[in-house]
């Protein structure tokens, strides 16, 4: 007997969401089918697969996939499944397969574009059957569409839909801003990746990313401790390292100051948080970097690049990008109450080494799984998930500054002085409902 599918249309209202969207396994399964296995999902950066045969494995929705550099230099995205008996072609997270994939079960081999290369004793073993070289079912299945924007590779498992750039819309500034900050105009990935399992629904993480109200509350103790050390060092030496400011800002930027920032909310659930941390002090390292950037682009363009007013871009449904700090977090839902986040760091090609080290410090101090900042968030994510399973209420509130959002030029922005608005959450759930309502 088929399980009845939930009525998702009744779960989302303009200012609140029913708790079942975070806790119902049937809704999670529907999300994988109607969102993650249809829209554009980030696979990785092209510098992760530099040479033909290099691969990186990932998950799109419930589907195990392989991003691999092809023989002609193209980047392919294949299902990680042999068409014979279903064995995964590769079990490692990353590596090189050489000129072809070889299934470890029965030695079927495939080119890096997924096409069949050889089946052992095919002529004698499969004579008179449908398994012929001309049968497309003998090939490894490919993602329906693969596109690359400035080195960032996305795939869609659906054959139709908007192009990648159409889907990203103005939110593609996340990649433009990051790459433009590189004197060479592009970035390359730093191979090490932080991987964190969160015991909570994937939407809780995404909603937190542009929640401007929580930092000075959730991270107050961590920021205050860092600020005390920062002041002590400055008192003794006359100067405190910038790394302390990366943590102390969570305490020194107060709730009312967060209201001075702004969020921009676009179709498909994408959101941008402006301001907050430009990291443009007038120290020697910054000035050296600006000279290199001006030489590459000219003084006027250099100033335009460094004045870009964004801190954080959320690309729905699975990507969180902090372009001024060269950070990216990819969201891979594992279950209704379990989510994997991959946290990546990028190097600005052509930029001085101290600029790389500065961004790396933020990556390690704020975004790594061992920091107190991350620990604060992980505890709240778990507590949210646990609380949502209780009978203490049916709805999740997104009422803050509701009714004051300003619609303009195809997007919704928060009103001045209302930066802690829950407009990003409302925007994400509006997109969620639209995706989920498509049969």
Foldseek 3Di string as FASTA:
>chain_A
DDDDADDLLVQDDLWWGFLCCLPPQSNLLLCLVLPQQADKAWDFFLLQAPDAQKWFWDDRRNFIWIFGQAPVRDTFIFTQAQLPPGDGQDDDRIDGCPQWTFRPPQGFIAGPNFQTDDGPPCCVPQPPHPDDSPDCSNTTGTQLDWDADQRTIIGHNDVDDDDPCVQCPPLCVLQQLQQLLFLVSHWHWDPDKFKDKFQTAQLLVLLVLQQLQPLQPLLVVQLVVLVVVQVVCCVVPVHGDCLSVLRVLSNVCDNLNLLQWKKKAFPLLKMFTWADDLPQDPDPLNVVQLVSSCVSPNNVVSVVSSPPTTQWIDRPPFKIGGSSLQKIWGWDDDGSRIIMIIIIGIDRHNGDPVSSVVSVSSCVAAVHCPHPNNVSSSVVNNVVRVVSVDPPDGMDGQNQQPPQWDDDDRITMHDRSGSSHSVSVSSNVVSVSVSSVPD
